[in-house]
Amino acid sequence: MEQKLSLKRLFELYDEMLRVPHRAEIHRELQDEDDLFLLLVYSEMLGVPNPAFYYTLELYPYIIETFHEWHLRMGMDKSPLQGIRCC
């Protein structure tokens, strides 16, 4: 039993060693995908035509909490939308 636990721990350490150099890159890629998705969802409010606006409108209650971090990451000091006050 003790040998199985140590072998399992060895595999966990090996897996962690492979992930460490790429952790920041993976985080950056996931954040870029998230930013693109939020831009698509908020594009109609920013003045960019969005053919799927009716469907993305249903997502607003779920993503409104992340709007403040998103517009700060995009370089906007204040909220660009009139209907959403977060700052």
Protein backbone atom coordinates (compact mmCIF):
# COMPACT_ATOMS: atom_id res chain seq x y z
CA MET A 1 0.00 0.00 0.00
CA GLU A 2 2.80 2.40 0.91
CA GLN A 3 4.50 1.75 -2.42
CA LYS A 4 1.32 2.59 -4.37
CA LEU A 5 0.98 5.89 -2.57
CA SER A 6 4.57 6.83 -3.26
CA LEU A 7 4.23 5.82 -6.93
CA LYS A 8 1.07 7.92 -7.19
CA ARG A 9 2.87 10.86 -5.61
CA LEU A 10 5.75 10.42 -8.05
CA PHE A 11 3.33 10.64 -10.99
CA GLU A 12 1.73 13.75 -9.50
CA LEU A 13 5.12 15.42 -9.12
CA TYR A 14 6.09 14.51 -12.69
CA ASP A 15 2.80 15.91 -13.99
CA GLU A 16 3.33 19.12 -12.03
CA MET A 17 6.87 19.48 -13.39
CA LEU A 18 5.51 19.30 -16.94
CA ARG A 19 2.78 21.88 -16.26
CA VAL A 20 4.80 24.57 -14.45
CA PRO A 21 6.55 26.13 -17.47
CA HIS A 22 3.29 26.39 -19.39
CA ARG A 23 0.98 27.56 -16.61
CA ALA A 24 1.27 31.28 -17.44
CA GLU A 25 0.82 30.63 -21.15
CA ILE A 26 -2.29 28.52 -20.57
CA HIS A 27 -3.72 31.19 -18.25
CA ARG A 28 -3.07 33.89 -20.86
CA GLU A 29 -4.73 31.84 -23.62
CA LEU A 30 -7.80 31.17 -21.48
CA GLN A 31 -8.02 34.86 -20.61
CA ASP A 32 -7.79 35.81 -24.31
CA GLU A 33 -10.63 33.42 -25.14
CA ASP A 34 -12.69 34.86 -22.31
CA ASP A 35 -12.01 38.42 -23.50
CA LEU A 36 -13.06 37.55 -27.04
CA PHE A 37 -16.26 35.94 -25.79
CA LEU A 38 -17.13 38.98 -23.66
CA LEU A 39 -16.43 41.27 -26.62
CA LEU A 40 -18.84 39.22 -28.71
CA VAL A 41 -21.51 39.37 -26.01
CA TYR A 42 -21.14 43.12 -25.38
CA SER A 43 -20.51 44.10 -29.01
CA GLU A 44 -24.07 45.28 -29.66
CA MET A 45 -23.88 47.65 -26.69
CA LEU A 46 -20.54 48.96 -27.95
CA GLY A 47 -22.02 49.76 -31.37
CA VAL A 48 -20.76 46.73 -33.31
CA PRO A 49 -23.57 44.81 -35.02
CA ASN A 50 -24.05 41.35 -33.55
CA PRO A 51 -26.35 38.96 -35.42
CA ALA A 52 -26.65 36.75 -32.34
CA PHE A 53 -27.63 39.60 -30.00
CA TYR A 54 -30.94 38.01 -29.08
CA TYR A 55 -29.20 34.84 -27.88
CA THR A 56 -26.33 36.57 -26.11
CA LEU A 57 -28.80 38.79 -24.25
CA GLU A 58 -29.73 35.77 -22.15
CA LEU A 59 -26.12 35.52 -20.92
CA TYR A 60 -25.93 39.01 -19.38
CA PRO A 61 -27.06 38.04 -15.87
CA TYR A 62 -24.33 35.39 -15.71
CA ILE A 63 -21.44 37.50 -16.98
CA ILE A 64 -22.27 40.94 -15.58
CA GLU A 65 -20.07 40.22 -12.54
CA THR A 66 -16.98 39.86 -14.74
CA PHE A 67 -17.67 43.02 -16.76
CA HIS A 68 -15.63 45.33 -14.50
CA GLU A 69 -12.45 43.23 -14.72
CA TRP A 70 -12.94 42.86 -18.46
CA HIS A 71 -13.20 46.57 -19.31
CA LEU A 72 -10.20 47.35 -17.09
CA ARG A 73 -8.17 44.65 -18.86
CA MET A 74 -9.21 46.12 -22.22
CA GLY A 75 -7.80 49.50 -21.17
CA MET A 76 -11.08 51.31 -20.51
CA ASP A 77 -10.92 53.28 -17.27
CA LYS A 78 -14.67 53.79 -17.06
CA SER A 79 -17.51 51.55 -18.17
CA PRO A 80 -18.18 52.20 -21.89
CA LEU A 81 -21.84 51.22 -21.51
CA GLN A 82 -24.52 53.58 -20.30
CA GLY A 83 -26.77 50.88 -18.86
CA ILE A 84 -24.09 49.14 -16.81
CA ARG A 85 -22.51 51.07 -13.98
CA CYS A 86 -19.71 49.21 -12.32
CA CYS A 87 -17.12 51.85 -11.48
